[in-house]
Amino acid sequence: MKAIEYIMSISKETEAEFLKYVKEVLGPTWKKLGCQKHEIYKVTDKAIVGRQIVEQDRFIERLYFGDDFDISRFYSEARKKYLEVVRSYEDMFGVYQIELRILKEVT
């Protein structure tokens, strides 16, 4: 399997709404675009800045595709729909510090 992995930060205020959105909207949307499996994980980290503790929640979202799936074609052919989906949750939930990784072989 191949996977696309997004790592992102989301404010605590919108976290619950975001997780609901992932389950109800993102999962089915990614499947329509060829995704075989969709997962989201939460990673909690606390950093100390001066005397303040800054809590930052990071989420890892993974989209899994079959071995024969052409990820570069996914980005070229489904680009408009893909960008609409990503931009919608960036704006709605204040997603920031987004990283993208393409994992070519996942077991």
PDB file of N, CA and C in Angstrom:
ATOM      1  N   MET A   1       0.836  -1.191   0.000  1.00  0.00           N
ATOM      2  CA  MET A   1       0.000   0.000   0.000  1.00  0.00           C
ATOM      3  C   MET A   1       0.872   1.243   0.000  1.00  0.00           C
ATOM      4  N   LYS A   2       0.312   2.300  -0.532  1.00  0.00           N
ATOM      5  CA  LYS A   2       0.945   3.612  -0.502  1.00  0.00           C
ATOM      6  C   LYS A   2       0.097   4.487   0.402  1.00  0.00           C
ATOM      7  N   ALA A   3       0.712   5.518   0.964  1.00  0.00           N
ATOM      8  CA  ALA A   3      -0.055   6.398   1.850  1.00  0.00           C
ATOM      9  C   ALA A   3       0.382   7.842   1.686  1.00  0.00           C
ATOM     10  N   ILE A   4      -0.574   8.718   1.894  1.00  0.00           N
ATOM     11  CA  ILE A   4      -0.309  10.149   2.005  1.00  0.00           C
ATOM     12  C   ILE A   4      -0.560  10.482   3.463  1.00  0.00           C
ATOM     13  N   GLU A   5       0.371  11.198   4.063  1.00  0.00           N
ATOM     14  CA  GLU A   5       0.260  11.516   5.488  1.00  0.00           C
ATOM     15  C   GLU A   5       0.296  13.029   5.671  1.00  0.00           C
ATOM     16  N   TYR A   6      -0.693  13.543   6.370  1.00  0.00           N
ATOM     17  CA  TYR A   6      -0.744  14.958   6.722  1.00  0.00           C
ATOM     18  C   TYR A   6      -0.514  15.068   8.217  1.00  0.00           C
ATOM     19  N   ILE A   7       0.348  15.978   8.602  1.00  0.00           N
ATOM     20  CA  ILE A   7       0.561  16.259  10.017  1.00  0.00           C
ATOM     21  C   ILE A   7       0.170  17.717  10.194  1.00  0.00           C
ATOM     22  N   MET A   8      -0.700  17.991  11.150  1.00  0.00           N
ATOM     23  CA  MET A   8      -1.236  19.352  11.289  1.00  0.00           C
ATOM     24  C   MET A   8      -1.514  19.686  12.742  1.00  0.00           C
ATOM     25  N   SER A   9      -1.566  20.976  13.026  1.00  0.00           N
ATOM     26  CA  SER A   9      -1.942  21.465  14.354  1.00  0.00           C
ATOM     27  C   SER A   9      -3.339  22.053  14.276  1.00  0.00           C
ATOM     28  N   ILE A  10      -4.097  21.845  15.347  1.00  0.00           N
ATOM     29  CA  ILE A  10      -5.464  22.347  15.427  1.00  0.00           C
ATOM     30  C   ILE A  10      -5.664  22.900  16.828  1.00  0.00           C
ATOM     31  N   SER A  11      -6.345  24.024  16.928  1.00  0.00           N
ATOM     32  CA  SER A  11      -6.591  24.600  18.249  1.00  0.00           C
ATOM     33  C   SER A  11      -7.530  23.700  19.046  1.00  0.00           C
ATOM     34  N   LYS A  12      -7.374  23.712  20.355  1.00  0.00           N
ATOM     35  CA  LYS A  12      -8.203  22.876  21.231  1.00  0.00           C
ATOM     36  C   LYS A  12      -9.686  23.220  21.107  1.00  0.00           C
ATOM     37  N   GLU A  13      -9.990  24.478  20.823  1.00  0.00           N
ATOM     38  CA  GLU A  13     -11.390  24.916  20.746  1.00  0.00           C
ATOM     39  C   GLU A  13     -12.148  24.240  19.607  1.00  0.00           C
ATOM     40  N   THR A  14     -11.462  23.905  18.537  1.00  0.00           N
ATOM     41  CA  THR A  14     -12.152  23.326  17.377  1.00  0.00           C
ATOM     42  C   THR A  14     -11.896  21.829  17.209  1.00  0.00           C
ATOM     43  N   GLU A  15     -11.171  21.247  18.140  1.00  0.00           N
ATOM     44  CA  GLU A  15     -10.766  19.844  18.028  1.00  0.00           C
ATOM     45  C   GLU A  15     -11.951  18.872  17.905  1.00  0.00           C
ATOM     46  N   ALA A  16     -12.927  18.973  18.784  1.00  0.00           N
ATOM     47  CA  ALA A  16     -14.068  18.045  18.766  1.00  0.00           C
ATOM     48  C   ALA A  16     -14.856  18.165  17.459  1.00  0.00           C
ATOM     49  N   GLU A  17     -15.070  19.399  17.015  1.00  0.00           N
ATOM     50  CA  GLU A  17     -15.787  19.615  15.755  1.00  0.00           C
ATOM     51  C   GLU A  17     -14.996  19.034  14.581  1.00  0.00           C
ATOM     52  N   PHE A  18     -13.677  19.213  14.627  1.00  0.00           N
ATOM     53  CA  PHE A  18     -12.824  18.697  13.562  1.00  0.00           C
ATOM     54  C   PHE A  18     -12.914  17.171  13.474  1.00  0.00           C
ATOM     55  N   LEU A  19     -12.842  16.500  14.609  1.00  0.00           N
ATOM     56  CA  LEU A  19     -12.906  15.037  14.608  1.00  0.00           C
ATOM     57  C   LEU A  19     -14.247  14.533  14.073  1.00  0.00           C
ATOM     58  N   LYS A  20     -15.319  15.237  14.394  1.00  0.00           N
ATOM     59  CA  LYS A  20     -16.638  14.889  13.864  1.00  0.00           C
ATOM     60  C   LYS A  20     -16.658  15.081  12.341  1.00  0.00           C
ATOM     61  N   TYR A  21     -16.076  16.174  11.880  1.00  0.00           N
ATOM     62  CA  TYR A  21     -15.995  16.475  10.455  1.00  0.00           C
ATOM     63  C   TYR A  21     -15.185  15.405   9.717  1.00  0.00           C
ATOM     64  N   VAL A  22     -14.094  14.976  10.333  1.00  0.00           N
ATOM     65  CA  VAL A  22     -13.263  13.933   9.731  1.00  0.00           C
ATOM     66  C   VAL A  22     -14.087  12.671   9.509  1.00  0.00           C
ATOM     67  N   LYS A  23     -14.834  12.281  10.525  1.00  0.00           N
ATOM     68  CA  LYS A  23     -15.622  11.044  10.453  1.00  0.00           C
ATOM     69  C   LYS A  23     -16.765  11.150   9.441  1.00  0.00           C
ATOM     70  N   GLU A  24     -17.486  12.262   9.474  1.00  0.00           N
ATOM     71  CA  GLU A  24     -18.693  12.392   8.661  1.00  0.00           C
ATOM     72  C   GLU A  24     -18.452  12.885   7.236  1.00  0.00           C
ATOM     73  N   VAL A  25     -17.415  13.712   7.038  1.00  0.00           N
ATOM     74  CA  VAL A  25     -17.214  14.336   5.729  1.00  0.00           C
ATOM     75  C   VAL A  25     -15.922  13.884   5.047  1.00  0.00           C
ATOM     76  N   LEU A  26     -14.799  14.009   5.743  1.00  0.00           N
ATOM     77  CA  LEU A  26     -13.521  13.716   5.099  1.00  0.00           C
ATOM     78  C   LEU A  26     -13.373  12.260   4.689  1.00  0.00           C
ATOM     79  N   GLY A  27     -13.671  11.340   5.595  1.00  0.00           N
ATOM     80  CA  GLY A  27     -13.530   9.919   5.269  1.00  0.00           C
ATOM     81  C   GLY A  27     -14.259   9.541   3.988  1.00  0.00           C
ATOM     82  N   PRO A  28     -15.563   9.819   3.899  1.00  0.00           N
ATOM     83  CA  PRO A  28     -16.298   9.499   2.671  1.00  0.00           C
ATOM     84  C   PRO A  28     -15.781  10.250   1.433  1.00  0.00           C
ATOM     85  N   THR A  29     -15.339  11.490   1.620  1.00  0.00           N
ATOM     86  CA  THR A  29     -14.821  12.273   0.491  1.00  0.00           C
ATOM     87  C   THR A  29     -13.538  11.659  -0.044  1.00  0.00           C
ATOM     88  N   TRP A  30     -12.617  11.297   0.847  1.00  0.00           N
ATOM     89  CA  TRP A  30     -11.361  10.682   0.404  1.00  0.00           C
ATOM     90  C   TRP A  30     -11.641   9.357  -0.306  1.00  0.00           C
ATOM     91  N   LYS A  31     -12.610   8.592   0.178  1.00  0.00           N
ATOM     92  CA  LYS A  31     -12.931   7.307  -0.469  1.00  0.00           C
ATOM     93  C   LYS A  31     -13.427   7.524  -1.899  1.00  0.00           C
ATOM     94  N   LYS A  32     -14.204   8.587  -2.110  1.00  0.00           N
ATOM     95  CA  LYS A  32     -14.676   8.906  -3.459  1.00  0.00           C
ATOM     96  C   LYS A  32     -13.512   9.236  -4.386  1.00  0.00           C
ATOM     97  N   LEU A  33     -12.411   9.723  -3.817  1.00  0.00           N
ATOM     98  CA  LEU A  33     -11.239  10.082  -4.615  1.00  0.00           C
ATOM     99  C   LEU A  33     -10.239   8.926  -4.736  1.00  0.00           C
ATOM    100  N   GLY A  34     -10.641   7.716  -4.310  1.00  0.00           N
ATOM    101  CA  GLY A  34      -9.801   6.542  -4.506  1.00  0.00           C
ATOM    102  C   GLY A  34      -9.085   6.007  -3.283  1.00  0.00           C
ATOM    103  N   CYS A  35      -9.291   6.605  -2.148  1.00  0.00           N
ATOM    104  CA  CYS A  35      -8.642   6.173  -0.910  1.00  0.00           C
ATOM    105  C   CYS A  35      -9.295   4.880  -0.412  1.00  0.00           C
ATOM    106  N   GLN A  36      -8.475   3.884  -0.050  1.00  0.00           N
ATOM    107  CA  GLN A  36      -9.009   2.616   0.451  1.00  0.00           C
ATOM    108  C   GLN A  36      -9.238   2.637   1.954  1.00  0.00           C
ATOM    109  N   LYS A  37      -8.428   3.398   2.657  1.00  0.00           N
ATOM    110  CA  LYS A  37      -8.511   3.441   4.118  1.00  0.00           C
ATOM    111  C   LYS A  37      -8.113   4.836   4.586  1.00  0.00           C
ATOM    112  N   HIS A  38      -8.776   5.329   5.625  1.00  0.00           N
ATOM    113  CA  HIS A  38      -8.526   6.671   6.150  1.00  0.00           C
ATOM    114  C   HIS A  38      -8.413   6.583   7.658  1.00  0.00           C
ATOM    115  N   GLU A  39      -7.344   7.156   8.220  1.00  0.00           N
ATOM    116  CA  GLU A  39      -7.144   7.139   9.673  1.00  0.00           C
ATOM    117  C   GLU A  39      -6.722   8.516  10.155  1.00  0.00           C
ATOM    118  N   ILE A  40      -7.028   8.794  11.417  1.00  0.00           N
ATOM    119  CA  ILE A  40      -6.535  10.019  12.042  1.00  0.00           C
ATOM    120  C   ILE A  40      -6.083   9.682  13.454  1.00  0.00           C
ATOM    121  N   TYR A  41      -4.933  10.218  13.821  1.00  0.00           N
ATOM    122  CA  TYR A  41      -4.350   9.993  15.141  1.00  0.00           C
ATOM    123  C   TYR A  41      -4.081  11.338  15.798  1.00  0.00           C
ATOM    124  N   LYS A  42      -4.162  11.372  17.104  1.00  0.00           N
ATOM    125  CA  LYS A  42      -3.870  12.593  17.855  1.00  0.00           C
ATOM    126  C   LYS A  42      -2.556  12.401  18.610  1.00  0.00           C
ATOM    127  N   VAL A  43      -1.684  13.403  18.513  1.00  0.00           N
ATOM    128  CA  VAL A  43      -0.418  13.404  19.231  1.00  0.00           C
ATOM    129  C   VAL A  43      -0.411  14.652  20.101  1.00  0.00           C
ATOM    130  N   THR A  44      -0.286  14.485  21.402  1.00  0.00           N
ATOM    131  CA  THR A  44      -0.296  15.633  22.307  1.00  0.00           C
ATOM    132  C   THR A  44       1.118  15.914  22.768  1.00  0.00           C
ATOM    133  N   ASP A  45       1.481  17.192  22.757  1.00  0.00           N
ATOM    134  CA  ASP A  45       2.819  17.604  23.165  1.00  0.00           C
ATOM    135  C   ASP A  45       2.707  18.920  23.922  1.00  0.00           C
ATOM    136  N   LYS A  46       3.532  19.085  24.930  1.00  0.00           N
ATOM    137  CA  LYS A  46       3.552  20.344  25.668  1.00  0.00           C
ATOM    138  C   LYS A  46       4.948  20.942  25.566  1.00  0.00           C
ATOM    139  N   ALA A  47       5.022  22.181  25.154  1.00  0.00           N
ATOM    140  CA  ALA A  47       6.304  22.872  25.050  1.00  0.00           C
ATOM    141  C   ALA A  47       6.332  24.014  26.054  1.00  0.00           C
ATOM    142  N   ILE A  48       7.494  24.263  26.618  1.00  0.00           N
ATOM    143  CA  ILE A  48       7.630  25.357  27.579  1.00  0.00           C
ATOM    144  C   ILE A  48       8.250  26.544  26.861  1.00  0.00           C
ATOM    145  N   VAL A  49       7.574  27.678  26.911  1.00  0.00           N
ATOM    146  CA  VAL A  49       8.054  28.908  26.304  1.00  0.00           C
ATOM    147  C   VAL A  49       8.133  29.931  27.416  1.00  0.00           C
ATOM    148  N   GLY A  50       9.349  30.311  27.794  1.00  0.00           N
ATOM    149  CA  GLY A  50       9.496  31.208  28.933  1.00  0.00           C
ATOM    150  C   GLY A  50       8.936  30.537  30.160  1.00  0.00           C
ATOM    151  N   ARG A  51       7.952  31.158  30.784  1.00  0.00           N
ATOM    152  CA  ARG A  51       7.308  30.571  31.962  1.00  0.00           C
ATOM    153  C   ARG A  51       5.949  29.966  31.638  1.00  0.00           C
ATOM    154  N   GLN A  52       5.583  30.013  30.389  1.00  0.00           N
ATOM    155  CA  GLN A  52       4.279  29.488  29.998  1.00  0.00           C
ATOM    156  C   GLN A  52       4.415  28.102  29.388  1.00  0.00           C
ATOM    157  N   ILE A  53       3.413  27.297  29.619  1.00  0.00           N
ATOM    158  CA  ILE A  53       3.345  25.997  28.953  1.00  0.00           C
ATOM    159  C   ILE A  53       2.349  26.140  27.809  1.00  0.00           C
ATOM    160  N   VAL A  54       2.814  25.870  26.621  1.00  0.00           N
ATOM    161  CA  VAL A  54       1.971  25.968  25.442  1.00  0.00           C
ATOM    162  C   VAL A  54       1.547  24.555  25.058  1.00  0.00           C
ATOM    163  N   GLU A  55       0.259  24.323  25.074  1.00  0.00           N
ATOM    164  CA  GLU A  55      -0.241  23.011  24.673  1.00  0.00           C
ATOM    165  C   GLU A  55      -0.578  23.048  23.195  1.00  0.00           C
ATOM    166  N   GLN A  56      -0.063  22.088  22.506  1.00  0.00           N
ATOM    167  CA  GLN A  56      -0.277  22.028  21.072  1.00  0.00           C
ATOM    168  C   GLN A  56      -0.725  20.622  20.710  1.00  0.00           C
ATOM    169  N   ASP A  57      -1.827  20.517  20.066  1.00  0.00           N
ATOM    170  CA  ASP A  57      -2.301  19.213  19.622  1.00  0.00           C
ATOM    171  C   ASP A  57      -1.988  19.049  18.148  1.00  0.00           C
ATOM    172  N   ARG A  58      -1.326  17.967  17.841  1.00  0.00           N
ATOM    173  CA  ARG A  58      -0.991  17.642  16.464  1.00  0.00           C
ATOM    174  C   ARG A  58      -1.819  16.423  16.062  1.00  0.00           C
ATOM    175  N   PHE A  59      -2.243  16.435  14.850  1.00  0.00           N
ATOM    176  CA  PHE A  59      -2.994  15.314  14.311  1.00  0.00           C
ATOM    177  C   PHE A  59      -2.252  14.752  13.110  1.00  0.00           C
ATOM    178  N   ILE A  60      -2.293  13.451  12.985  1.00  0.00           N
ATOM    179  CA  ILE A  60      -1.726  12.777  11.824  1.00  0.00           C
ATOM    180  C   ILE A  60      -2.890  12.123  11.094  1.00  0.00           C
ATOM    181  N   GLU A  61      -3.079  12.526   9.865  1.00  0.00           N
ATOM    182  CA  GLU A  61      -4.138  11.962   9.027  1.00  0.00           C
ATOM    183  C   GLU A  61      -3.463  11.146   7.929  1.00  0.00           C
ATOM    184  N   ARG A  62      -3.879   9.914   7.766  1.00  0.00           N
ATOM    185  CA  ARG A  62      -3.295   9.051   6.738  1.00  0.00           C
ATOM    186  C   ARG A  62      -4.368   8.577   5.763  1.00  0.00           C
ATOM    187  N   LEU A  63      -4.026   8.669   4.500  1.00  0.00           N
ATOM    188  CA  LEU A  63      -4.871   8.171   3.420  1.00  0.00           C
ATOM    189  C   LEU A  63      -4.121   7.023   2.761  1.00  0.00           C
ATOM    190  N   TYR A  64      -4.716   5.848   2.729  1.00  0.00           N
ATOM    191  CA  TYR A  64      -4.068   4.662   2.165  1.00  0.00           C
ATOM    192  C   TYR A  64      -4.648   4.342   0.792  1.00  0.00           C
ATOM    193  N   PHE A  65      -3.757   3.975  -0.120  1.00  0.00           N
ATOM    194  CA  PHE A  65      -4.137   3.633  -1.488  1.00  0.00           C
ATOM    195  C   PHE A  65      -3.499   2.303  -1.867  1.00  0.00           C
ATOM    196  N   GLY A  66      -4.057   1.636  -2.869  1.00  0.00           N
ATOM    197  CA  GLY A  66      -3.493   0.376  -3.351  1.00  0.00           C
ATOM    198  C   GLY A  66      -2.133   0.583  -3.999  1.00  0.00           C
ATOM    199  N   ASP A  67      -1.399  -0.506  -4.152  1.00  0.00           N
ATOM    200  CA  ASP A  67      -0.056  -0.442  -4.736  1.00  0.00           C
ATOM    201  C   ASP A  67      -0.055   0.107  -6.160  1.00  0.00           C
ATOM    202  N   ASP A  68      -1.121  -0.150  -6.903  1.00  0.00           N
ATOM    203  CA  ASP A  68      -1.176   0.303  -8.289  1.00  0.00           C
ATOM    204  C   ASP A  68      -1.699   1.733  -8.433  1.00  0.00           C
ATOM    205  N   PHE A  69      -2.048   2.366  -7.327  1.00  0.00           N
ATOM    206  CA  PHE A  69      -2.594   3.722  -7.369  1.00  0.00           C
ATOM    207  C   PHE A  69      -1.478   4.718  -7.677  1.00  0.00           C
ATOM    208  N   ASP A  70      -1.730   5.609  -8.620  1.00  0.00           N
ATOM    209  CA  ASP A  70      -0.745   6.621  -9.021  1.00  0.00           C
ATOM    210  C   ASP A  70      -1.021   7.912  -8.246  1.00  0.00           C
ATOM    211  N   ILE A  71      -0.228   8.155  -7.209  1.00  0.00           N
ATOM    212  CA  ILE A  71      -0.456   9.321  -6.349  1.00  0.00           C
ATOM    213  C   ILE A  71      -0.253  10.620  -7.116  1.00  0.00           C
ATOM    214  N   SER A  72       0.711  10.657  -8.031  1.00  0.00           N
ATOM    215  CA  SER A  72       0.917  11.886  -8.808  1.00  0.00           C
ATOM    216  C   SER A  72      -0.304  12.184  -9.673  1.00  0.00           C
ATOM    217  N   ARG A  73      -0.959  11.141 -10.204  1.00  0.00           N
ATOM    218  CA  ARG A  73      -2.190  11.339 -10.972  1.00  0.00           C
ATOM    219  C   ARG A  73      -3.312  11.848 -10.069  1.00  0.00           C
ATOM    220  N   PHE A  74      -3.340  11.339  -8.841  1.00  0.00           N
ATOM    221  CA  PHE A  74      -4.325  11.790  -7.856  1.00  0.00           C
ATOM    222  C   PHE A  74      -4.243  13.302  -7.688  1.00  0.00           C
ATOM    223  N   TYR A  75      -3.020  13.816  -7.567  1.00  0.00           N
ATOM    224  CA  TYR A  75      -2.845  15.253  -7.379  1.00  0.00           C
ATOM    225  C   TYR A  75      -3.149  16.043  -8.640  1.00  0.00           C
ATOM    226  N   SER A  76      -2.915  15.472  -9.809  1.00  0.00           N
ATOM    227  CA  SER A  76      -3.192  16.221 -11.030  1.00  0.00           C
ATOM    228  C   SER A  76      -4.666  16.148 -11.434  1.00  0.00           C
ATOM    229  N   GLU A  77      -5.265  14.956 -11.394  1.00  0.00           N
ATOM    230  CA  GLU A  77      -6.651  14.804 -11.846  1.00  0.00           C
ATOM    231  C   GLU A  77      -7.678  15.249 -10.813  1.00  0.00           C
ATOM    232  N   ALA A  78      -7.412  14.968  -9.563  1.00  0.00           N
ATOM    233  CA  ALA A  78      -8.383  15.304  -8.514  1.00  0.00           C
ATOM    234  C   ALA A  78      -7.989  16.585  -7.784  1.00  0.00           C
ATOM    235  N   ARG A  79      -7.071  17.331  -8.365  1.00  0.00           N
ATOM    236  CA  ARG A  79      -6.507  18.502  -7.693  1.00  0.00           C
ATOM    237  C   ARG A  79      -7.564  19.511  -7.230  1.00  0.00           C
ATOM    238  N   LYS A  80      -8.499  19.837  -8.096  1.00  0.00           N
ATOM    239  CA  LYS A  80      -9.499  20.845  -7.738  1.00  0.00           C
ATOM    240  C   LYS A  80     -10.327  20.389  -6.535  1.00  0.00           C
ATOM    241  N   LYS A  81     -10.844  19.169  -6.586  1.00  0.00           N
ATOM    242  CA  LYS A  81     -11.654  18.643  -5.479  1.00  0.00           C
ATOM    243  C   LYS A  81     -10.804  18.502  -4.220  1.00  0.00           C
ATOM    244  N   TYR A  82      -9.577  17.997  -4.380  1.00  0.00           N
ATOM    245  CA  TYR A  82      -8.655  17.834  -3.257  1.00  0.00           C
ATOM    246  C   TYR A  82      -8.398  19.182  -2.573  1.00  0.00           C
ATOM    247  N   LEU A  83      -8.105  20.211  -3.363  1.00  0.00           N
ATOM    248  CA  LEU A  83      -7.837  21.532  -2.786  1.00  0.00           C
ATOM    249  C   LEU A  83      -9.065  22.103  -2.086  1.00  0.00           C
ATOM    250  N   GLU A  84     -10.249  21.875  -2.648  1.00  0.00           N
ATOM    251  CA  GLU A  84     -11.483  22.332  -1.995  1.00  0.00           C
ATOM    252  C   GLU A  84     -11.631  21.693  -0.620  1.00  0.00           C
ATOM    253  N   VAL A  85     -11.374  20.391  -0.542  1.00  0.00           N
ATOM    254  CA  VAL A  85     -11.510  19.661   0.726  1.00  0.00           C
ATOM    255  C   VAL A  85     -10.512  20.184   1.750  1.00  0.00           C
ATOM    256  N   VAL A  86      -9.248  20.270   1.345  1.00  0.00           N
ATOM    257  CA  VAL A  86      -8.205  20.707   2.275  1.00  0.00           C
ATOM    258  C   VAL A  86      -8.435  22.145   2.725  1.00  0.00           C
ATOM    259  N   ARG A  87      -8.736  23.026   1.787  1.00  0.00           N
ATOM    260  CA  ARG A  87      -8.963  24.438   2.148  1.00  0.00           C
ATOM    261  C   ARG A  87     -10.169  24.588   3.074  1.00  0.00           C
ATOM    262  N   SER A  88     -11.192  23.752   2.874  1.00  0.00           N
ATOM    263  CA  SER A  88     -12.390  23.866   3.704  1.00  0.00           C
ATOM    264  C   SER A  88     -12.065  23.587   5.159  1.00  0.00           C
ATOM    265  N   TYR A  89     -11.313  22.543   5.440  1.00  0.00           N
ATOM    266  CA  TYR A  89     -11.047  22.278   6.854  1.00  0.00           C
ATOM    267  C   TYR A  89      -9.935  23.149   7.409  1.00  0.00           C
ATOM    268  N   GLU A  90      -9.054  23.661   6.573  1.00  0.00           N
ATOM    269  CA  GLU A  90      -8.062  24.629   7.058  1.00  0.00           C
ATOM    270  C   GLU A  90      -8.774  25.866   7.595  1.00  0.00           C
ATOM    271  N   ASP A  91      -9.726  26.360   6.830  1.00  0.00           N
ATOM    272  CA  ASP A  91     -10.446  27.576   7.216  1.00  0.00           C
ATOM    273  C   ASP A  91     -11.420  27.339   8.366  1.00  0.00           C
ATOM    274  N   MET A  92     -12.194  26.267   8.296  1.00  0.00           N
ATOM    275  CA  MET A  92     -13.216  25.996   9.315  1.00  0.00           C
ATOM    276  C   MET A  92     -12.641  25.759  10.699  1.00  0.00           C
ATOM    277  N   PHE A  93     -11.517  25.069  10.762  1.00  0.00           N
ATOM    278  CA  PHE A  93     -11.000  24.623  12.057  1.00  0.00           C
ATOM    279  C   PHE A  93      -9.672  25.257  12.449  1.00  0.00           C
ATOM    280  N   GLY A  94      -9.220  26.238  11.690  1.00  0.00           N
ATOM    281  CA  GLY A  94      -7.979  26.921  12.038  1.00  0.00           C
ATOM    282  C   GLY A  94      -6.767  26.000  12.018  1.00  0.00           C
ATOM    283  N   VAL A  95      -6.722  25.119  11.038  1.00  0.00           N
ATOM    284  CA  VAL A  95      -5.598  24.190  10.911  1.00  0.00           C
ATOM    285  C   VAL A  95      -4.363  24.977  10.484  1.00  0.00           C
ATOM    286  N   TYR A  96      -3.231  24.675  11.119  1.00  0.00           N
ATOM    287  CA  TYR A  96      -1.983  25.356  10.774  1.00  0.00           C
ATOM    288  C   TYR A  96      -0.816  24.386  10.907  1.00  0.00           C
ATOM    289  N   GLN A  97       0.346  24.818  10.493  1.00  0.00           N
ATOM    290  CA  GLN A  97       1.562  23.993  10.507  1.00  0.00           C
ATOM    291  C   GLN A  97       1.321  22.648   9.829  1.00  0.00           C
ATOM    292  N   ILE A  98       0.845  22.695   8.612  1.00  0.00           N
ATOM    293  CA  ILE A  98       0.537  21.470   7.878  1.00  0.00           C
ATOM    294  C   ILE A  98       1.796  20.947   7.180  1.00  0.00           C
ATOM    295  N   GLU A  99       2.043  19.671   7.348  1.00  0.00           N
ATOM    296  CA  GLU A  99       3.140  18.997   6.654  1.00  0.00           C
ATOM    297  C   GLU A  99       2.528  17.869   5.834  1.00  0.00           C
ATOM    298  N   LEU A 100       3.093  17.606   4.691  1.00  0.00           N
ATOM    299  CA  LEU A 100       2.626  16.528   3.818  1.00  0.00           C
ATOM    300  C   LEU A 100       3.776  15.565   3.574  1.00  0.00           C
ATOM    301  N   ARG A 101       3.489  14.280   3.696  1.00  0.00           N
ATOM    302  CA  ARG A 101       4.474  13.238   3.392  1.00  0.00           C
ATOM    303  C   ARG A 101       3.799  12.194   2.514  1.00  0.00           C
ATOM    304  N   ILE A 102       4.532  11.727   1.535  1.00  0.00           N
ATOM    305  CA  ILE A 102       4.040  10.633   0.709  1.00  0.00           C
ATOM    306  C   ILE A 102       4.862   9.406   1.069  1.00  0.00           C
ATOM    307  N   LEU A 103       4.194   8.389   1.579  1.00  0.00           N
ATOM    308  CA  LEU A 103       4.844   7.150   1.996  1.00  0.00           C
ATOM    309  C   LEU A 103       4.612   6.122   0.899  1.00  0.00           C
ATOM    310  N   LYS A 104       5.655   5.731   0.212  1.00  0.00           N
ATOM    311  CA  LYS A 104       5.497   4.882  -0.968  1.00  0.00           C
ATOM    312  C   LYS A 104       5.141   3.444  -0.653  1.00  0.00           C
ATOM    313  N   GLU A 105       5.655   2.913   0.443  1.00  0.00           N
ATOM    314  CA  GLU A 105       5.321   1.537   0.802  1.00  0.00           C
ATOM    315  C   GLU A 105       4.947   1.475   2.266  1.00  0.00           C
ATOM    316  N   VAL A 106       3.734   1.037   2.526  1.00  0.00           N
ATOM    317  CA  VAL A 106       3.231   0.935   3.889  1.00  0.00           C
ATOM    318  C   VAL A 106       2.759  -0.496   4.088  1.00  0.00           C
ATOM    319  N   THR A 107       3.113  -1.073   5.222  1.00  0.00           N
ATOM    320  CA  THR A 107       2.662  -2.439   5.495  1.00  0.00           C
ATOM    321  C   THR A 107       1.627  -2.448   6.591  1.00  0.00           C
TER     322      THR A 107
END
